[in-house]
Full PDB file with SEQRES, HELIX, SHEET, SSBOND, CRYST1, ORIGX, SCALE, CONECT and MASTER records, all heavy atoms in Angstrom:
SEQRES   1 A   39  GLU ASN ILE ALA ARG THR ASP LEU CYS TYR GLY ALA TYR          
SEQRES   2 A   39  HIS PHE PHE SER PHE ASP SER ALA GLY GLU THR GLN ALA          
SEQRES   3 A   39  GLN ASN TYR ILE SER THR VAL GLY SER LEU ASP GLY LYS          
HELIX    1 AA1 ILE A    3  ARG A    5  5                                   3    
HELIX    2 AA2 GLY A   22  VAL A   33  1                                  12    
CRYST1    1.000    1.000    1.000  90.00  90.00  90.00 P 1           1          
ORIGX1      1.000000  0.000000  0.000000        0.00000                         
ORIGX2      0.000000  1.000000  0.000000        0.00000                         
ORIGX3      0.000000  0.000000  1.000000        0.00000                         
SCALE1      1.000000  0.000000  0.000000        0.00000                         
SCALE2      0.000000  1.000000  0.000000        0.00000                         
SCALE3      0.000000  0.000000  1.000000        0.00000                         
ATOM      1  N   GLU A   1       0.815  -1.175  -0.003  1.00  0.00           N  
ATOM      2  CA  GLU A   1       0.018   0.041   0.003  1.00  0.00           C  
ATOM      3  C   GLU A   1       0.873   1.279  -0.019  1.00  0.00           C  
ATOM      4  O   GLU A   1       0.589   2.209  -0.690  1.00  0.00           O  
ATOM      5  CB  GLU A   1      -0.946   0.016   1.209  1.00  0.00           C  
ATOM      6  CG  GLU A   1      -2.044  -1.033   1.165  1.00  0.00           C  
ATOM      7  CD  GLU A   1      -2.801  -1.193   2.396  1.00  0.00           C  
ATOM      8  OE1 GLU A   1      -2.447  -0.505   3.371  1.00  0.00           O  
ATOM      9  OE2 GLU A   1      -3.786  -1.990   2.413  1.00  0.00           O  
ATOM     10  N   ASN A   2       1.942   1.244   0.756  1.00  0.00           N  
ATOM     11  CA  ASN A   2       2.773   2.454   0.852  1.00  0.00           C  
ATOM     12  C   ASN A   2       3.669   2.706  -0.348  1.00  0.00           C  
ATOM     13  O   ASN A   2       3.859   3.880  -0.763  1.00  0.00           O  
ATOM     14  CB  ASN A   2       3.619   2.394   2.134  1.00  0.00           C  
ATOM     15  CG  ASN A   2       2.820   2.518   3.357  1.00  0.00           C  
ATOM     16  OD1 ASN A   2       1.678   2.935   3.330  1.00  0.00           O  
ATOM     17  ND2 ASN A   2       3.407   2.080   4.535  1.00  0.00           N  
ATOM     18  N   ILE A   3       4.155   1.664  -1.003  1.00  0.00           N  
ATOM     19  CA  ILE A   3       4.965   1.878  -2.153  1.00  0.00           C  
ATOM     20  C   ILE A   3       4.168   2.382  -3.326  1.00  0.00           C  
ATOM     21  O   ILE A   3       4.662   3.085  -4.219  1.00  0.00           O  
ATOM     22  CB  ILE A   3       5.685   0.585  -2.553  1.00  0.00           C  
ATOM     23  CG1 ILE A   3       6.885   0.938  -3.557  1.00  0.00           C  
ATOM     24  CG2 ILE A   3       4.756  -0.410  -3.243  1.00  0.00           C  
ATOM     25  CD1 ILE A   3       7.711  -0.260  -3.892  1.00  0.00           C  
ATOM     26  N   ALA A   4       2.880   2.143  -3.275  1.00  0.00           N  
ATOM     27  CA  ALA A   4       1.961   2.651  -4.322  1.00  0.00           C  
ATOM     28  C   ALA A   4       1.874   4.160  -4.359  1.00  0.00           C  
ATOM     29  O   ALA A   4       1.442   4.747  -5.346  1.00  0.00           O  
ATOM     30  CB  ALA A   4       0.528   2.099  -4.188  1.00  0.00           C  
ATOM     31  N   ARG A   5       2.247   4.805  -3.307  1.00  0.00           N  
ATOM     32  CA  ARG A   5       2.257   6.287  -3.160  1.00  0.00           C  
ATOM     33  C   ARG A   5       3.562   6.887  -3.779  1.00  0.00           C  
ATOM     34  O   ARG A   5       3.665   8.121  -3.745  1.00  0.00           O  
ATOM     35  CB  ARG A   5       2.093   6.688  -1.800  1.00  0.00           C  
ATOM     36  CG  ARG A   5       0.834   6.148  -1.116  1.00  0.00           C  
ATOM     37  CD  ARG A   5       0.640   6.732   0.316  1.00  0.00           C  
ATOM     38  NE  ARG A   5      -0.601   6.244   0.868  1.00  0.00           N  
ATOM     39  CZ  ARG A   5      -0.598   5.280   1.840  1.00  0.00           C  
ATOM     40  NH1 ARG A   5       0.511   4.743   2.257  1.00  0.00           N  
ATOM     41  NH2 ARG A   5      -1.774   4.870   2.377  1.00  0.00           N  
ATOM     42  N   THR A   6       4.415   6.013  -4.267  1.00  0.00           N  
ATOM     43  CA  THR A   6       5.642   6.545  -4.884  1.00  0.00           C  
ATOM     44  C   THR A   6       5.673   6.369  -6.353  1.00  0.00           C  
ATOM     45  O   THR A   6       4.661   5.778  -6.902  1.00  0.00           O  
ATOM     46  CB  THR A   6       6.906   5.813  -4.273  1.00  0.00           C  
ATOM     47  OG1 THR A   6       6.943   4.510  -4.823  1.00  0.00           O  
ATOM     48  CG2 THR A   6       6.814   5.801  -2.754  1.00  0.00           C  
ATOM     49  N   ASP A   7       6.700   6.787  -6.992  1.00  0.00           N  
ATOM     50  CA  ASP A   7       6.832   6.618  -8.445  1.00  0.00           C  
ATOM     51  C   ASP A   7       7.597   5.336  -8.793  1.00  0.00           C  
ATOM     52  O   ASP A   7       7.912   5.094  -9.964  1.00  0.00           O  
ATOM     53  CB  ASP A   7       7.538   7.787  -9.135  1.00  0.00           C  
ATOM     54  CG  ASP A   7       6.633   9.102  -9.013  1.00  0.00           C  
ATOM     55  OD1 ASP A   7       5.432   8.924  -9.048  1.00  0.00           O  
ATOM     56  OD2 ASP A   7       7.240  10.183  -8.917  1.00  0.00           O  
ATOM     57  N   LEU A   8       8.007   4.534  -7.775  1.00  0.00           N  
ATOM     58  CA  LEU A   8       8.736   3.373  -8.028  1.00  0.00           C  
ATOM     59  C   LEU A   8       7.949   2.332  -8.813  1.00  0.00           C  
ATOM     60  O   LEU A   8       6.733   2.161  -8.563  1.00  0.00           O  
ATOM     61  CB  LEU A   8       9.237   2.742  -6.743  1.00  0.00           C  
ATOM     62  CG  LEU A   8      10.318   3.557  -5.970  1.00  0.00           C  
ATOM     63  CD1 LEU A   8      10.569   2.908  -4.575  1.00  0.00           C  
ATOM     64  CD2 LEU A   8      11.638   3.582  -6.742  1.00  0.00           C  
ATOM     65  N   CYS A   9       8.598   1.545  -9.681  1.00  0.00           N  
ATOM     66  CA  CYS A   9       7.966   0.363 -10.264  1.00  0.00           C  
ATOM     67  C   CYS A   9       8.089  -0.726  -9.163  1.00  0.00           C  
ATOM     68  O   CYS A   9       9.085  -0.847  -8.474  1.00  0.00           O  
ATOM     69  CB  CYS A   9       8.643  -0.086 -11.487  1.00  0.00           C  
ATOM     70  SG  CYS A   9       8.547   1.150 -12.844  1.00  0.00           S  
ATOM     71  N   TYR A  10       7.112  -1.589  -9.054  1.00  0.00           N  
ATOM     72  CA  TYR A  10       7.147  -2.549  -8.018  1.00  0.00           C  
ATOM     73  C   TYR A  10       6.428  -3.849  -8.395  1.00  0.00           C  
ATOM     74  O   TYR A  10       5.509  -3.857  -9.196  1.00  0.00           O  
ATOM     75  CB  TYR A  10       6.649  -2.013  -6.639  1.00  0.00           C  
ATOM     76  CG  TYR A  10       5.211  -1.569  -6.674  1.00  0.00           C  
ATOM     77  CD1 TYR A  10       4.221  -2.440  -6.145  1.00  0.00           C  
ATOM     78  CD2 TYR A  10       4.859  -0.316  -7.088  1.00  0.00           C  
ATOM     79  CE1 TYR A  10       2.929  -1.924  -6.093  1.00  0.00           C  
ATOM     80  CE2 TYR A  10       3.535   0.089  -7.048  1.00  0.00           C  
ATOM     81  CZ  TYR A  10       2.571  -0.728  -6.534  1.00  0.00           C  
ATOM     82  OH  TYR A  10       1.287  -0.336  -6.422  1.00  0.00           O  
ATOM     83  N   GLY A  11       6.778  -4.886  -7.710  1.00  0.00           N  
ATOM     84  CA  GLY A  11       6.148  -6.209  -7.940  1.00  0.00           C  
ATOM     85  C   GLY A  11       6.265  -7.033  -6.643  1.00  0.00           C  
ATOM     86  O   GLY A  11       6.875  -6.604  -5.620  1.00  0.00           O  
ATOM     87  N   ALA A  12       5.699  -8.232  -6.719  1.00  0.00           N  
ATOM     88  CA  ALA A  12       5.639  -9.119  -5.544  1.00  0.00           C  
ATOM     89  C   ALA A  12       6.231 -10.481  -5.898  1.00  0.00           C  
ATOM     90  O   ALA A  12       6.113 -11.001  -6.926  1.00  0.00           O  
ATOM     91  CB  ALA A  12       4.210  -9.343  -5.114  1.00  0.00           C  
ATOM     92  N   TYR A  13       6.968 -11.055  -4.873  1.00  0.00           N  
ATOM     93  CA  TYR A  13       7.556 -12.377  -5.089  1.00  0.00           C  
ATOM     94  C   TYR A  13       7.051 -13.386  -4.131  1.00  0.00           C  
ATOM     95  O   TYR A  13       6.606 -13.070  -2.987  1.00  0.00           O  
ATOM     96  CB  TYR A  13       9.101 -12.306  -5.072  1.00  0.00           C  
ATOM     97  CG  TYR A  13       9.782 -12.116  -3.800  1.00  0.00           C  
ATOM     98  CD1 TYR A  13      10.175 -13.223  -2.988  1.00  0.00           C  
ATOM     99  CD2 TYR A  13      10.150 -10.876  -3.213  1.00  0.00           C  
ATOM    100  CE1 TYR A  13      10.816 -13.127  -1.766  1.00  0.00           C  
ATOM    101  CE2 TYR A  13      10.800 -10.746  -2.083  1.00  0.00           C  
ATOM    102  CZ  TYR A  13      11.140 -11.873  -1.322  1.00  0.00           C  
ATOM    103  OH  TYR A  13      11.874 -11.765  -0.060  1.00  0.00           O  
ATOM    104  N   HIS A  14       7.108 -14.638  -4.473  1.00  0.00           N  
ATOM    105  CA  HIS A  14       6.696 -15.798  -3.743  1.00  0.00           C  
ATOM    106  C   HIS A  14       7.883 -16.665  -3.473  1.00  0.00           C  
ATOM    107  O   HIS A  14       8.712 -16.958  -4.307  1.00  0.00           O  
ATOM    108  CB  HIS A  14       5.649 -16.608  -4.527  1.00  0.00           C  
ATOM    109  CG  HIS A  14       5.292 -17.898  -3.794  1.00  0.00           C  
ATOM    110  ND1 HIS A  14       4.340 -17.989  -2.826  1.00  0.00           N  
ATOM    111  CD2 HIS A  14       5.729 -19.145  -4.071  1.00  0.00           C  
ATOM    112  CE1 HIS A  14       4.199 -19.210  -2.431  1.00  0.00           C  
ATOM    113  NE2 HIS A  14       5.085 -19.965  -3.140  1.00  0.00           N  
ATOM    114  N   PHE A  15       8.066 -17.091  -2.189  1.00  0.00           N  
ATOM    115  CA  PHE A  15       9.105 -17.995  -1.807  1.00  0.00           C  
ATOM    116  C   PHE A  15       8.624 -19.454  -1.951  1.00  0.00           C  
ATOM    117  O   PHE A  15       7.666 -19.850  -1.211  1.00  0.00           O  
ATOM    118  CB  PHE A  15       9.570 -17.688  -0.324  1.00  0.00           C  
ATOM    119  CG  PHE A  15      10.820 -18.390   0.057  1.00  0.00           C  
ATOM    120  CD1 PHE A  15      12.010 -17.733  -0.026  1.00  0.00           C  
ATOM    121  CD2 PHE A  15      10.800 -19.693   0.465  1.00  0.00           C  
ATOM    122  CE1 PHE A  15      13.237 -18.353   0.349  1.00  0.00           C  
ATOM    123  CE2 PHE A  15      11.960 -20.393   0.880  1.00  0.00           C  
ATOM    124  CZ  PHE A  15      13.173 -19.661   0.838  1.00  0.00           C  
ATOM    125  N   PHE A  16       9.201 -20.185  -2.836  1.00  0.00           N  
ATOM    126  CA  PHE A  16       8.755 -21.530  -3.099  1.00  0.00           C  
ATOM    127  C   PHE A  16       9.130 -22.502  -2.026  1.00  0.00           C  
ATOM    128  O   PHE A  16      10.301 -22.561  -1.588  1.00  0.00           O  
ATOM    129  CB  PHE A  16       9.378 -21.980  -4.458  1.00  0.00           C  
ATOM    130  CG  PHE A  16       9.074 -23.347  -4.836  1.00  0.00           C  
ATOM    131  CD1 PHE A  16       7.811 -23.842  -5.188  1.00  0.00           C  
ATOM    132  CD2 PHE A  16      10.087 -24.323  -4.865  1.00  0.00           C  
ATOM    133  CE1 PHE A  16       7.498 -25.108  -5.519  1.00  0.00           C  
ATOM    134  CE2 PHE A  16       9.846 -25.653  -5.223  1.00  0.00           C  
ATOM    135  CZ  PHE A  16       8.550 -26.046  -5.516  1.00  0.00           C  
ATOM    136  N   SER A  17       8.124 -23.305  -1.619  1.00  0.00           N  
ATOM    137  CA  SER A  17       8.333 -24.348  -0.644  1.00  0.00           C  
ATOM    138  C   SER A  17       8.486 -25.684  -1.292  1.00  0.00           C  
ATOM    139  O   SER A  17       7.715 -26.006  -2.171  1.00  0.00           O  
ATOM    140  CB  SER A  17       7.160 -24.375   0.370  1.00  0.00           C  
ATOM    141  OG  SER A  17       7.244 -25.490   1.218  1.00  0.00           O  
ATOM    142  N   PHE A  18       9.483 -26.482  -0.900  1.00  0.00           N  
ATOM    143  CA  PHE A  18       9.714 -27.778  -1.390  1.00  0.00           C  
ATOM    144  C   PHE A  18       8.631 -28.798  -0.849  1.00  0.00           C  
ATOM    145  O   PHE A  18       8.566 -29.915  -1.362  1.00  0.00           O  
ATOM    146  CB  PHE A  18      11.035 -28.355  -1.021  1.00  0.00           C  
ATOM    147  CG  PHE A  18      12.263 -27.610  -1.584  1.00  0.00           C  
ATOM    148  CD1 PHE A  18      13.496 -27.854  -1.174  1.00  0.00           C  
ATOM    149  CD2 PHE A  18      12.067 -26.618  -2.574  1.00  0.00           C  
ATOM    150  CE1 PHE A  18      14.598 -27.155  -1.688  1.00  0.00           C  
ATOM    151  CE2 PHE A  18      13.180 -25.952  -3.063  1.00  0.00           C  
ATOM    152  CZ  PHE A  18      14.383 -26.214  -2.646  1.00  0.00           C  
ATOM    153  N   ASP A  19       7.939 -28.387   0.161  1.00  0.00           N  
ATOM    154  CA  ASP A  19       7.054 -29.264   0.884  1.00  0.00           C  
ATOM    155  C   ASP A  19       5.577 -29.165   0.687  1.00  0.00           C  
ATOM    156  O   ASP A  19       4.765 -29.771   1.474  1.00  0.00           O  
ATOM    157  CB  ASP A  19       7.334 -29.062   2.430  1.00  0.00           C  
ATOM    158  CG  ASP A  19       8.862 -29.249   2.701  1.00  0.00           C  
ATOM    159  OD1 ASP A  19       9.389 -30.295   2.353  1.00  0.00           O  
ATOM    160  OD2 ASP A  19       9.431 -28.365   3.349  1.00  0.00           O  
ATOM    161  N   SER A  20       5.133 -28.333  -0.210  1.00  0.00           N  
ATOM    162  CA  SER A  20       3.669 -28.248  -0.427  1.00  0.00           C  
ATOM    163  C   SER A  20       3.357 -28.098  -1.888  1.00  0.00           C  
ATOM    164  O   SER A  20       4.234 -27.870  -2.742  1.00  0.00           O  
ATOM    165  CB  SER A  20       3.096 -26.992   0.287  1.00  0.00           C  
ATOM    166  OG  SER A  20       3.685 -25.795  -0.118  1.00  0.00           O  
ATOM    167  N   ALA A  21       2.057 -28.358  -2.295  1.00  0.00           N  
ATOM    168  CA  ALA A  21       1.686 -28.427  -3.662  1.00  0.00           C  
ATOM    169  C   ALA A  21       1.793 -27.129  -4.395  1.00  0.00           C  
ATOM    170  O   ALA A  21       1.512 -26.074  -3.822  1.00  0.00           O  
ATOM    171  CB  ALA A  21       0.276 -28.970  -3.721  1.00  0.00           C  
ATOM    172  N   GLY A  22       2.209 -27.186  -5.688  1.00  0.00           N  
ATOM    173  CA  GLY A  22       2.373 -25.964  -6.461  1.00  0.00           C  
ATOM    174  C   GLY A  22       1.051 -25.296  -6.653  1.00  0.00           C  
ATOM    175  O   GLY A  22       0.982 -24.064  -6.651  1.00  0.00           O  
ATOM    176  N   GLU A  23      -0.070 -25.962  -6.777  1.00  0.00           N  
ATOM    177  CA  GLU A  23      -1.344 -25.374  -6.993  1.00  0.00           C  
ATOM    178  C   GLU A  23      -1.712 -24.503  -5.870  1.00  0.00           C  
ATOM    179  O   GLU A  23      -2.222 -23.405  -6.041  1.00  0.00           O  
ATOM    180  CB  GLU A  23      -2.419 -26.434  -7.234  1.00  0.00           C  
ATOM    181  CG  GLU A  23      -3.734 -25.895  -7.591  1.00  0.00           C  
ATOM    182  CD  GLU A  23      -4.780 -26.908  -7.945  1.00  0.00           C  
ATOM    183  OE1 GLU A  23      -4.378 -28.152  -7.959  1.00  0.00           O  
ATOM    184  OE2 GLU A  23      -5.927 -26.610  -8.160  1.00  0.00           O  
ATOM    185  N   THR A  24      -1.625 -25.004  -4.621  1.00  0.00           N  
ATOM    186  CA  THR A  24      -2.026 -24.248  -3.385  1.00  0.00           C  
ATOM    187  C   THR A  24      -1.015 -23.113  -3.209  1.00  0.00           C  
ATOM    188  O   THR A  24      -1.433 -22.052  -2.638  1.00  0.00           O  
ATOM    189  CB  THR A  24      -2.065 -25.156  -2.213  1.00  0.00           C  
ATOM    190  OG1 THR A  24      -0.873 -25.866  -2.043  1.00  0.00           O  
ATOM    191  CG2 THR A  24      -3.285 -26.111  -2.304  1.00  0.00           C  
ATOM    192  N   GLN A  25       0.170 -23.229  -3.539  1.00  0.00           N  
ATOM    193  CA  GLN A  25       1.151 -22.140  -3.485  1.00  0.00           C  
ATOM    194  C   GLN A  25       0.786 -21.051  -4.410  1.00  0.00           C  
ATOM    195  O   GLN A  25       0.783 -19.832  -4.015  1.00  0.00           O  
ATOM    196  CB  GLN A  25       2.561 -22.627  -3.751  1.00  0.00           C  
ATOM    197  CG  GLN A  25       3.158 -23.572  -2.693  1.00  0.00           C  
ATOM    198  CD  GLN A  25       4.620 -23.734  -2.876  1.00  0.00           C  
ATOM    199  OE1 GLN A  25       5.407 -22.839  -2.783  1.00  0.00           O  
ATOM    200  NE2 GLN A  25       5.079 -25.038  -2.965  1.00  0.00           N  
ATOM    201  N   ALA A  26       0.371 -21.369  -5.601  1.00  0.00           N  
ATOM    202  CA  ALA A  26      -0.074 -20.344  -6.605  1.00  0.00           C  
ATOM    203  C   ALA A  26      -1.338 -19.637  -6.044  1.00  0.00           C  
ATOM    204  O   ALA A  26      -1.422 -18.407  -6.115  1.00  0.00           O  
ATOM    205  CB  ALA A  26      -0.398 -20.998  -7.904  1.00  0.00           C  
ATOM    206  N   GLN A  27      -2.258 -20.355  -5.428  1.00  0.00           N  
ATOM    207  CA  GLN A  27      -3.454 -19.753  -4.949  1.00  0.00           C  
ATOM    208  C   GLN A  27      -3.178 -18.782  -3.799  1.00  0.00           C  
ATOM    209  O   GLN A  27      -3.799 -17.740  -3.566  1.00  0.00           O  
ATOM    210  CB  GLN A  27      -4.464 -20.820  -4.536  1.00  0.00           C  
ATOM    211  CG  GLN A  27      -5.192 -21.509  -5.717  1.00  0.00           C  
ATOM    212  CD  GLN A  27      -5.819 -20.552  -6.645  1.00  0.00           C  
ATOM    213  OE1 GLN A  27      -6.506 -19.646  -6.293  1.00  0.00           O  
ATOM    214  NE2 GLN A  27      -5.565 -20.687  -7.965  1.00  0.00           N  
ATOM    215  N   ASN A  28      -2.159 -19.195  -3.032  1.00  0.00           N  
ATOM    216  CA  ASN A  28      -1.816 -18.325  -1.850  1.00  0.00           C  
ATOM    217  C   ASN A  28      -1.277 -17.053  -2.389  1.00  0.00           C  
ATOM    218  O   ASN A  28      -1.662 -15.889  -1.924  1.00  0.00           O  
ATOM    219  CB  ASN A  28      -0.699 -19.009  -1.066  1.00  0.00           C  
ATOM    220  CG  ASN A  28      -0.256 -18.189   0.162  1.00  0.00           C  
ATOM    221  OD1 ASN A  28      -1.115 -17.427   0.784  1.00  0.00           O  
ATOM    222  ND2 ASN A  28       0.920 -18.458   0.595  1.00  0.00           N  
ATOM    223  N   TYR A  29      -0.496 -17.025  -3.476  1.00  0.00           N  
ATOM    224  CA  TYR A  29       0.073 -15.782  -4.050  1.00  0.00           C  
ATOM    225  C   TYR A  29      -1.045 -14.986  -4.694  1.00  0.00           C  
ATOM    226  O   TYR A  29      -1.175 -13.735  -4.470  1.00  0.00           O  
ATOM    227  CB  TYR A  29       1.133 -16.139  -5.107  1.00  0.00           C  
ATOM    228  CG  TYR A  29       1.760 -14.919  -5.800  1.00  0.00           C  
ATOM    229  CD1 TYR A  29       2.950 -14.415  -5.349  1.00  0.00           C  
ATOM    230  CD2 TYR A  29       1.134 -14.352  -6.952  1.00  0.00           C  
ATOM    231  CE1 TYR A  29       3.533 -13.319  -5.981  1.00  0.00           C  
ATOM    232  CE2 TYR A  29       1.719 -13.272  -7.547  1.00  0.00           C  
ATOM    233  CZ  TYR A  29       2.870 -12.756  -7.126  1.00  0.00           C  
ATOM    234  OH  TYR A  29       3.471 -11.708  -7.738  1.00  0.00           O  
ATOM    235  N   ILE A  30      -1.883 -15.633  -5.527  1.00  0.00           N  
ATOM    236  CA  ILE A  30      -2.919 -14.984  -6.233  1.00  0.00           C  
ATOM    237  C   ILE A  30      -3.924 -14.276  -5.339  1.00  0.00           C  
ATOM    238  O   ILE A  30      -4.317 -13.109  -5.533  1.00  0.00           O  
ATOM    239  CB  ILE A  30      -3.604 -15.922  -7.237  1.00  0.00           C  
ATOM    240  CG1 ILE A  30      -2.696 -16.367  -8.293  1.00  0.00           C  
ATOM    241  CG2 ILE A  30      -4.838 -15.270  -7.867  1.00  0.00           C  
ATOM    242  CD1 ILE A  30      -3.101 -17.582  -9.125  1.00  0.00           C  
ATOM    243  N   SER A  31      -4.374 -15.015  -4.267  1.00  0.00           N  
ATOM    244  CA  SER A  31      -5.346 -14.448  -3.355  1.00  0.00           C  
ATOM    245  C   SER A  31      -4.821 -13.324  -2.469  1.00  0.00           C  
ATOM    246  O   SER A  31      -5.510 -12.450  -2.106  1.00  0.00           O  
ATOM    247  CB  SER A  31      -5.929 -15.588  -2.478  1.00  0.00           C  
ATOM    248  OG  SER A  31      -4.879 -16.133  -1.676  1.00  0.00           O  
ATOM    249  N   THR A  32      -3.431 -13.399  -2.290  1.00  0.00           N  
ATOM    250  CA  THR A  32      -2.816 -12.355  -1.433  1.00  0.00           C  
ATOM    251  C   THR A  32      -2.504 -11.126  -2.286  1.00  0.00           C  
ATOM    252  O   THR A  32      -2.787 -10.028  -1.862  1.00  0.00           O  
ATOM    253  CB  THR A  32      -1.527 -12.859  -0.884  1.00  0.00           C  
ATOM    254  OG1 THR A  32      -1.875 -13.973   0.024  1.00  0.00           O  
ATOM    255  CG2 THR A  32      -0.830 -11.761  -0.043  1.00  0.00           C  
ATOM    256  N   VAL A  33      -1.936 -11.270  -3.475  1.00  0.00           N  
ATOM    257  CA  VAL A  33      -1.459 -10.178  -4.272  1.00  0.00           C  
ATOM    258  C   VAL A  33      -2.581  -9.535  -5.090  1.00  0.00           C  
ATOM    259  O   VAL A  33      -2.695  -8.320  -5.316  1.00  0.00           O  
ATOM    260  CB  VAL A  33      -0.316 -10.638  -5.201  1.00  0.00           C  
ATOM    261  CG1 VAL A  33       0.073  -9.474  -6.072  1.00  0.00           C  
ATOM    262  CG2 VAL A  33       0.851 -11.158  -4.278  1.00  0.00           C  
ATOM    263  N   GLY A  34      -3.492 -10.397  -5.674  1.00  0.00           N  
ATOM    264  CA  GLY A  34      -4.508  -9.951  -6.501  1.00  0.00           C  
ATOM    265  C   GLY A  34      -3.978  -9.435  -7.857  1.00  0.00           C  
ATOM    266  O   GLY A  34      -3.032  -9.958  -8.369  1.00  0.00           O  
ATOM    267  N   SER A  35      -4.576  -8.369  -8.377  1.00  0.00           N  
ATOM    268  CA  SER A  35      -4.205  -7.865  -9.675  1.00  0.00           C  
ATOM    269  C   SER A  35      -2.814  -7.306  -9.699  1.00  0.00           C  
ATOM    270  O   SER A  35      -2.313  -6.717  -8.694  1.00  0.00           O  
ATOM    271  CB  SER A  35      -5.180  -6.739 -10.113  1.00  0.00           C  
ATOM    272  OG  SER A  35      -4.764  -6.122 -11.254  1.00  0.00           O  
ATOM    273  N   LEU A  36      -2.133  -7.574 -10.811  1.00  0.00           N  
ATOM    274  CA  LEU A  36      -0.819  -6.985 -11.037  1.00  0.00           C  
ATOM    275  C   LEU A  36      -0.801  -6.003 -12.197  1.00  0.00           C  
ATOM    276  O   LEU A  36       0.290  -5.664 -12.779  1.00  0.00           O  
ATOM    277  CB  LEU A  36       0.211  -8.075 -11.316  1.00  0.00           C  
ATOM    278  CG  LEU A  36       0.672  -8.925 -10.127  1.00  0.00           C  
ATOM    279  CD1 LEU A  36       1.667 -10.046 -10.545  1.00  0.00           C  
ATOM    280  CD2 LEU A  36       1.348  -8.011  -9.081  1.00  0.00           C  
ATOM    281  N   ASP A  37      -1.926  -5.495 -12.541  1.00  0.00           N  
ATOM    282  CA  ASP A  37      -2.053  -4.520 -13.580  1.00  0.00           C  
ATOM    283  C   ASP A  37      -1.176  -3.303 -13.310  1.00  0.00           C  
ATOM    284  O   ASP A  37      -1.287  -2.724 -12.171  1.00  0.00           O  
ATOM    285  CB  ASP A  37      -3.513  -4.027 -13.807  1.00  0.00           C  
ATOM    286  CG  ASP A  37      -4.414  -5.081 -14.467  1.00  0.00           C  
ATOM    287  OD1 ASP A  37      -3.823  -6.148 -14.857  1.00  0.00           O  
ATOM    288  OD2 ASP A  37      -5.575  -4.910 -14.463  1.00  0.00           O  
ATOM    289  N   GLY A  38      -0.211  -2.946 -14.192  1.00  0.00           N  
ATOM    290  CA  GLY A  38       0.637  -1.834 -13.931  1.00  0.00           C  
ATOM    291  C   GLY A  38       1.786  -2.161 -13.005  1.00  0.00           C  
ATOM    292  O   GLY A  38       2.628  -1.306 -12.732  1.00  0.00           O  
ATOM    293  N   LYS A  39       1.887  -3.446 -12.665  1.00  0.00           N  
ATOM    294  CA  LYS A  39       2.978  -3.875 -11.702  1.00  0.00           C  
ATOM    295  C   LYS A  39       3.987  -4.723 -12.482  1.00  0.00           C  
ATOM    296  O   LYS A  39       3.791  -5.118 -13.643  1.00  0.00           O  
ATOM    297  CB  LYS A  39       2.436  -4.644 -10.581  1.00  0.00           C  
ATOM    298  CG  LYS A  39       1.214  -4.047  -9.869  1.00  0.00           C  
ATOM    299  CD  LYS A  39       1.448  -2.736  -9.237  1.00  0.00           C  
ATOM    300  CE  LYS A  39       0.282  -2.264  -8.350  1.00  0.00           C  
ATOM    301  NZ  LYS A  39      -0.974  -2.181  -9.029  1.00  0.00           N  
TER     302      LYS A  39                                                      
MASTER        0    0    0    2    0    0    0    6  301    1    0    3          
END                                                                             
């Protein structure tokens, strides 16, 4: 929320776990980050 008030370009990263399913990891990222339009 705070970086959005600046002119910086920004994005979000996910730390991959060796111990859980790729599908649920993707859903964790998608539901947390949401839209990346303009990011």
